[in-house]
Protein backbone atom coordinates (compact mmCIF):
# COMPACT_ATOMS: atom_id res chain seq x y z
CA UNK A 1 78.19 41.70 13.55
CA UNK A 2 76.11 45.16 11.83
CA UNK A 3 73.44 42.84 11.15
CA UNK A 4 73.22 40.82 14.33
CA UNK A 5 73.32 43.67 16.02
CA UNK A 6 70.89 45.40 14.06
CA UNK A 7 68.35 42.69 14.10
CA UNK A 8 68.21 42.23 17.56
CA UNK A 9 68.29 46.41 18.38
CA UNK A 10 64.10 46.57 18.90
CA UNK A 11 64.30 43.53 20.88
CA UNK A 12 66.96 44.71 23.33
CA UNK A 13 65.19 48.12 23.22
CA UNK A 14 61.40 46.87 23.52
CA UNK A 15 62.53 44.56 27.04
CA UNK A 16 64.56 47.76 28.47
CA UNK A 17 61.36 49.78 28.30
CA UNK A 18 59.46 47.04 29.00
CA UNK A 19 61.45 46.38 32.60
CA UNK A 20 61.85 50.43 33.32
CA UNK A 21 58.43 50.39 33.18
CA UNK A 22 57.68 47.51 35.00
CA UNK A 23 60.07 48.95 37.90
CA UNK A 24 58.26 52.65 37.51
CA UNK A 25 55.09 50.92 38.07
CA UNK A 26 56.25 49.08 41.07
CA UNK A 27 58.05 51.70 42.56
CA UNK A 28 54.65 54.07 42.29
CA UNK A 29 52.85 50.93 43.73
CA UNK A 30 54.72 50.72 46.87
CA UNK A 31 54.57 54.19 47.80
CA UNK A 32 50.67 54.51 47.30
CA UNK A 33 50.56 51.55 49.23
CA UNK A 34 51.96 52.44 52.53
CA UNK A 35 50.70 55.72 52.58
CA UNK A 36 46.87 54.89 51.21
CA UNK A 37 43.95 56.32 53.67
CA UNK A 38 42.46 53.88 55.69
CA UNK A 39 39.70 53.91 58.49
CA UNK A 40 41.46 54.06 62.04
CA UNK A 41 38.17 51.94 63.16
CA UNK A 42 38.39 48.30 62.28
CA UNK A 43 35.20 48.00 59.77
CA UNK A 44 34.22 51.21 58.94
CA UNK A 45 34.53 52.68 55.54
CA UNK A 46 36.35 56.25 54.88
CA UNK A 47 32.94 57.78 54.26
CA UNK A 48 31.60 57.13 57.93
CA UNK A 49 34.56 56.75 59.81
CA UNK A 50 35.57 60.06 61.90
CA UNK A 51 39.30 59.12 62.01
CA UNK A 52 41.61 58.52 59.31
CA UNK A 53 45.45 57.24 59.44
CA UNK A 54 48.14 55.98 56.66
CA UNK A 55 47.70 52.71 56.32
CA UNK A 56 51.92 52.01 57.44
CA UNK A 57 50.77 53.90 60.65
CA UNK A 58 48.08 51.14 61.46
CA UNK A 59 50.09 48.14 60.52
CA UNK A 60 52.96 49.54 62.62
CA UNK A 61 50.03 49.47 65.40
CA UNK A 62 49.13 46.53 64.50
CA UNK A 63 52.37 44.58 64.74
CA UNK A 64 53.43 46.58 68.15
CA UNK A 65 50.73 44.86 69.60
CA UNK A 66 51.69 40.81 70.05
CA UNK A 67 54.75 41.24 66.98
CA UNK A 68 51.96 40.24 63.91
CA UNK A 69 50.17 41.72 61.28
CA UNK A 70 46.85 40.57 61.79
CA UNK A 71 43.63 42.75 61.88
CA UNK A 72 45.48 45.01 59.36
CA UNK A 73 45.89 42.26 57.49
CA UNK A 74 42.84 41.88 55.41
CA UNK A 75 43.04 45.60 54.68
CA UNK A 76 46.16 45.38 53.27
CA UNK A 77 45.50 42.65 51.22
CA UNK A 78 42.35 44.65 49.61
CA UNK A 79 44.87 47.92 48.86
CA UNK A 80 47.34 45.84 47.04
CA UNK A 81 44.87 44.24 45.06
CA UNK A 82 43.08 47.29 44.18
CA UNK A 83 46.68 49.42 43.17
CA UNK A 84 47.69 46.47 41.39
CA UNK A 85 44.61 45.49 39.90
CA UNK A 86 45.26 48.12 36.14
CA UNK A 87 48.08 45.49 36.28
CA UNK A 88 46.91 42.00 37.34
CA UNK A 89 45.99 40.84 33.92
CA UNK A 90 49.35 41.06 32.60
CA UNK A 91 51.74 40.39 36.29
CA UNK A 92 51.99 38.49 39.21
CA UNK A 93 53.64 40.50 42.31
CA UNK A 94 54.46 39.85 45.94
CA UNK A 95 54.47 42.21 48.48
CA UNK A 96 56.12 41.76 52.07
CA UNK A 97 57.42 43.22 55.06
CA UNK A 98 60.75 41.61 56.48
CA UNK A 99 62.62 42.09 59.85
CA UNK A 100 66.09 42.13 59.67
CA UNK A 101 67.52 41.64 63.34
CA UNK A 102 64.55 38.71 63.98
CA UNK A 103 65.59 37.62 60.30
CA UNK A 104 61.73 37.07 60.03
CA UNK A 105 58.65 37.97 57.75
CA UNK A 106 55.84 40.00 59.42
CA UNK A 107 53.25 39.29 56.26
CA UNK A 108 54.13 37.82 53.11
CA UNK A 109 51.40 38.14 50.27
CA UNK A 110 52.02 36.25 46.76
CA UNK A 111 49.06 36.63 43.59
CA UNK A 112 49.92 34.51 41.26
CA UNK A 113 48.08 32.48 38.62
CA UNK A 114 48.83 28.91 36.46
CA UNK A 115 49.76 29.03 32.34
CA UNK A 116 46.54 29.51 29.97
CA UNK A 117 45.39 26.43 28.60
CA UNK A 118 44.90 26.54 24.54
CA UNK A 119 41.47 25.08 23.77
CA UNK A 120 40.02 24.32 20.69
CA UNK A 121 41.78 27.37 19.67
CA UNK A 122 40.74 29.54 21.99
CA UNK A 123 43.01 31.14 24.99
CA UNK A 124 41.80 30.09 28.35
CA UNK A 125 43.17 31.94 31.42
CA UNK A 126 43.59 30.60 34.47
CA UNK A 127 41.96 31.67 37.86
CA UNK A 128 44.50 34.34 39.93
CA UNK A 129 45.21 32.85 43.45
CA UNK A 130 45.91 35.20 46.70
CA UNK A 131 48.06 33.14 49.23
CA UNK A 132 49.03 34.33 52.39
CA UNK A 133 52.93 32.75 52.88
CA UNK A 134 55.16 32.43 56.01
CA UNK A 135 58.75 31.42 54.66
CA UNK A 136 61.99 30.37 57.10
CA UNK A 137 64.30 32.34 55.66
CA UNK A 138 65.10 35.05 52.97
CA UNK A 139 66.92 32.69 50.83
CA UNK A 140 63.45 31.16 50.26
CA UNK A 141 62.13 33.71 48.81
CA UNK A 142 65.03 34.35 46.68
CA UNK A 143 64.34 31.03 45.35
CA UNK A 144 61.03 31.97 44.17
CA UNK A 145 62.53 35.13 42.44
CA UNK A 146 65.37 32.89 40.68
CA UNK A 147 62.43 30.96 39.02
CA UNK A 148 60.44 33.41 37.68
CA UNK A 149 63.32 34.97 35.53
CA UNK A 150 63.22 39.01 34.76
CA UNK A 151 61.09 40.92 37.83
CA UNK A 152 60.62 44.30 38.68
CA UNK A 153 61.22 44.87 42.26
CA UNK A 154 60.67 48.06 44.43
CA UNK A 155 61.90 48.48 47.99
CA UNK A 156 62.01 50.65 51.14
CA UNK A 157 63.60 51.00 54.89
CA UNK A 158 61.22 50.96 57.18
CA UNK A 159 61.18 50.73 61.48
CA UNK A 160 58.47 49.05 63.28
CA UNK A 161 57.48 49.65 67.17
CA UNK A 162 58.14 46.53 69.54
CA UNK A 163 56.98 46.54 72.72
CA UNK A 164 59.32 44.81 75.21
CA UNK A 165 57.35 43.23 78.50
CA UNK A 166 58.81 45.95 80.79
CA UNK A 167 56.57 48.70 78.24
CA UNK A 168 59.55 50.13 76.24
CA UNK A 169 59.54 50.91 72.98
CA UNK A 170 62.18 49.52 70.52
CA UNK A 171 62.41 50.44 66.67
CA UNK A 172 63.55 46.94 64.39
CA UNK A 173 64.42 48.14 60.94
CA UNK A 174 62.73 46.44 58.29
CA UNK A 175 62.56 46.35 54.71
CA UNK A 176 58.97 46.11 52.13
CA UNK A 177 59.20 45.01 49.00
CA UNK A 178 56.64 44.81 46.12
CA UNK A 179 58.24 42.64 43.36
CA UNK A 180 56.08 42.13 39.96
CA UNK A 181 57.17 39.73 37.35
CA UNK A 182 55.61 38.77 34.09
CA UNK A 183 53.25 35.36 35.09
CA UNK A 184 54.90 32.12 35.33
CA UNK A 185 53.72 29.34 36.77
CA UNK A 186 54.59 28.55 40.53
CA UNK A 187 55.13 24.71 41.34
CA UNK A 188 52.80 23.24 44.89
CA UNK A 189 56.61 22.02 45.96
CA UNK A 190 57.55 25.52 46.21
CA UNK A 191 54.39 26.61 47.77
CA UNK A 192 54.64 24.31 50.37
CA UNK A 193 58.31 25.22 51.23
CA UNK A 194 57.15 29.34 51.66
CA UNK A 195 54.80 27.95 54.32
CA UNK A 196 51.58 29.30 51.84
CA UNK A 197 48.10 29.07 52.21
CA UNK A 198 45.42 30.01 49.63
CA UNK A 199 43.52 33.20 50.88
CA UNK A 200 41.33 33.90 47.86
CA UNK A 201 40.81 32.77 44.61
CA UNK A 202 39.72 35.17 41.52
CA UNK A 203 37.65 34.01 38.64
CA UNK A 204 39.24 34.60 35.02
CA UNK A 205 37.92 37.29 33.25
CA UNK A 206 38.80 35.64 29.63
């Protein structure tokens, strides 16, 4: 028993350290994504704009117009990509906003890639792909989490803004989530179930 415990101690410790690192990175990345600066005027850069706001504030304003995240979707994607870039070679991830009362997603972004292949003794990495998805239920995303195995989620509660037909504002509760995991190929059938559409392909770098 002592031998078995001792022989597995290093592996168990390494796994715990790795999991803790992923959780801490996901938590820090989520906060950075939400509170990064973004121009108030679409199309302007931070250097040329005269009005700057938090990205989360811009997303909420976008959502308040028609209950969808549209104008800020691309800005949100680029910020997520940039902040996750340091760990992108070693991890896949997803980011989403989920509204509890309406039981629907306001935004879902999935970053994933196929497994690397070996050709003539050389490892060839696959292209990374970014999908925008629209799952029917929260359970559909839970199926994805179950299939990818060990993952590191970070989430926070927020409130969106909704304007009713009588111009009365409402504040529906929502969750923002960032989950990262060691790359695990996702089959095309599951992507269909999640109503995913390919948004961008990022060529492999090595």
